Every structure is written in structure tokens, then in C-alpha cells.
């Protein structure tokens, strides 16, 4: 399973002027190597606009749905980068996932919550 350093390095190969450690701090929500693949807003915008990566999106049903237990589960089990839109921007908030395999699995389970409960 690739980690965030490998994702960052691959993406920055197209932009050699950038420094990997700087990108790690700007793009990723938790910069620890084992901190999961959650993107910051700036990281999400870079993946979408600069690198033109394909993503899949789902609505988050309620504000109670997004709790610390679920965030930890996402960090532990998601194998591709994802971005959670802040709840203050609009409701319902959205989650964006950059992995086609995980997106397919989520659709097969019906929603993200059902998927996370089975892995």
C-alpha cells in the first residue's frame, strides 16, 4: 500500500522545483507517516487542478455522522487520498476519494459508512 510520502513524491516528479517536505506539510491533514491520507483543502485543490486527478464524491448524511471514531477509521483503512469538505462551507458536506477501487467498493456497499463497517 503506498503511503503519503510516495504519493507526494510521484506527484512532485512532474514539478521538480517543489520540495517534498513542504508539500507534505501543505497537502496532508496529518503529516506523520502513519497519519492517514486525508488531504487539506490546498492538497485537494492541487490534486484536482494542478495534477487533474480523477475523484469520486459522496454526500455526508449528517453532522453527527462525522465523528472522531469515524475519522480514525478513515485514516486507518483508506488506501488512497481523500478530502472531507468542511461542514461550514455547505450542507450536506462531501467526501472526495481518489481511489477507483475504493469508490467501487463504497458503491457496492451502498454508502461510505457501510463500507467502513465491513473492513
Protein backbone atom coordinates (compact mmCIF):
# COMPACT_ATOMS: atom_id res chain seq x y z
CA UNK A 1 0.00 0.00 0.00
CA UNK A 2 1.53 3.35 -0.99
CA UNK A 3 1.95 5.93 1.75
CA UNK A 4 1.59 9.71 1.58
CA UNK A 5 5.32 10.26 1.02
CA UNK A 6 5.16 8.00 -2.08
CA UNK A 7 2.02 9.78 -3.38
CA UNK A 8 3.68 13.15 -2.79
CA UNK A 9 6.94 12.11 -4.43
CA UNK A 10 5.20 10.73 -7.53
CA UNK A 11 3.10 13.85 -7.93
CA UNK A 12 6.07 16.16 -7.43
CA UNK A 13 8.13 14.35 -10.07
CA UNK A 14 6.09 16.41 -12.53
CA UNK A 15 7.07 19.61 -10.64
CA UNK A 16 10.73 19.18 -9.63
CA UNK A 17 11.00 22.75 -8.32
CA UNK A 18 8.81 21.89 -5.33
CA UNK A 19 10.23 20.38 -2.18
CA UNK A 20 8.64 17.17 -0.93
CA UNK A 21 8.72 18.10 2.76
CA UNK A 22 6.99 21.42 2.04
CA UNK A 23 4.29 19.63 0.06
CA UNK A 24 3.80 17.11 2.86
CA UNK A 25 3.03 19.96 5.29
CA UNK A 26 0.72 21.80 2.90
CA UNK A 27 -1.19 18.94 1.25
CA UNK A 28 -1.80 16.46 4.07
CA UNK A 29 -4.03 16.91 7.10
CA UNK A 30 -1.74 14.78 9.32
CA UNK A 31 1.90 14.84 8.27
CA UNK A 32 3.03 11.81 10.29
CA UNK A 33 3.95 8.86 8.08
CA UNK A 34 1.23 6.74 9.73
CA UNK A 35 -1.29 9.59 9.92
CA UNK A 36 -3.58 8.56 7.09
CA UNK A 37 -4.20 10.01 3.64
CA UNK A 38 -6.63 12.84 4.43
CA UNK A 39 -5.94 15.91 2.31
CA UNK A 40 -6.13 19.56 3.30
CA UNK A 41 -8.17 21.91 1.12
CA UNK A 42 -4.98 23.08 -0.56
CA UNK A 43 -3.90 19.48 -1.15
CA UNK A 44 -7.28 18.62 -2.66
CA UNK A 45 -7.14 21.67 -4.94
CA UNK A 46 -3.62 20.71 -6.04
CA UNK A 47 -4.65 17.13 -6.83
CA UNK A 48 -7.68 18.31 -8.81
CA UNK A 49 -6.42 21.46 -10.54
CA UNK A 50 -2.67 21.01 -10.98
CA UNK A 51 -2.49 17.23 -11.41
CA UNK A 52 -6.02 16.75 -12.84
CA UNK A 53 -6.57 13.53 -10.89
CA UNK A 54 -9.95 11.82 -11.07
CA UNK A 55 -12.01 11.71 -7.89
CA UNK A 56 -15.33 10.32 -6.68
CA UNK A 57 -17.66 12.14 -4.32
CA UNK A 58 -20.39 11.31 -1.81
CA UNK A 59 -22.60 13.40 0.44
CA UNK A 60 -22.10 13.02 4.17
CA UNK A 61 -25.60 12.48 5.55
CA UNK A 62 -25.47 14.46 8.83
CA UNK A 63 -23.06 16.35 11.04
CA UNK A 64 -23.29 13.56 13.67
CA UNK A 65 -22.07 11.11 11.06
CA UNK A 66 -18.61 12.70 11.02
CA UNK A 67 -17.17 11.88 14.45
CA UNK A 68 -13.68 11.18 15.76
CA UNK A 69 -14.16 7.39 15.68
CA UNK A 70 -15.08 7.53 12.00
CA UNK A 71 -12.22 9.89 11.18
CA UNK A 72 -9.78 7.45 12.80
CA UNK A 73 -11.30 4.59 10.82
CA UNK A 74 -10.87 6.57 7.59
CA UNK A 75 -7.24 7.31 8.47
CA UNK A 76 -6.56 3.68 9.27
CA UNK A 77 -8.31 1.98 6.34
CA UNK A 78 -8.37 4.29 3.32
CA UNK A 79 -5.57 3.37 0.91
CA UNK A 80 -5.94 6.37 -1.43
CA UNK A 81 -6.08 10.08 -0.65
CA UNK A 82 -9.40 11.61 0.34
CA UNK A 83 -10.71 15.03 1.26
CA UNK A 84 -13.57 15.88 3.60
CA UNK A 85 -15.27 19.15 2.77
CA UNK A 86 -15.68 21.31 5.88
CA UNK A 87 -19.21 21.35 7.24
CA UNK A 88 -19.24 25.16 7.42
CA UNK A 89 -18.92 25.52 3.66
CA UNK A 90 -22.21 23.87 2.78
CA UNK A 91 -24.55 21.15 3.89
CA UNK A 92 -24.56 18.36 3.15
CA UNK A 93 -20.79 18.20 3.27
CA UNK A 94 -19.00 15.91 0.84
CA UNK A 95 -16.15 13.44 0.91
CA UNK A 96 -13.95 13.09 -2.18
CA UNK A 97 -11.92 9.90 -2.77
CA UNK A 98 -9.15 9.48 -5.35
CA UNK A 99 -9.15 5.66 -5.50
CA UNK A 100 -11.29 3.90 -8.11
CA UNK A 101 -11.17 0.55 -6.24
CA UNK A 102 -12.40 2.10 -3.00
CA UNK A 103 -15.03 4.12 -4.86
CA UNK A 104 -16.35 0.94 -6.47
CA UNK A 105 -16.41 -0.87 -3.13
CA UNK A 106 -18.26 2.02 -1.47
CA UNK A 107 -20.87 1.97 -4.24
CA UNK A 108 -21.28 -1.79 -3.86
CA UNK A 109 -21.85 -1.42 -0.10
CA UNK A 110 -24.31 1.41 -0.70
CA UNK A 111 -22.50 4.15 1.21
CA UNK A 112 -19.24 5.00 2.93
CA UNK A 113 -20.45 4.13 6.42
CA UNK A 114 -21.49 0.58 5.40
CA UNK A 115 -18.16 0.12 3.64
CA UNK A 116 -16.13 1.23 6.65
CA UNK A 117 -18.11 -1.04 8.99
CA UNK A 118 -17.15 -4.09 6.93
CA UNK A 119 -13.40 -3.53 6.58
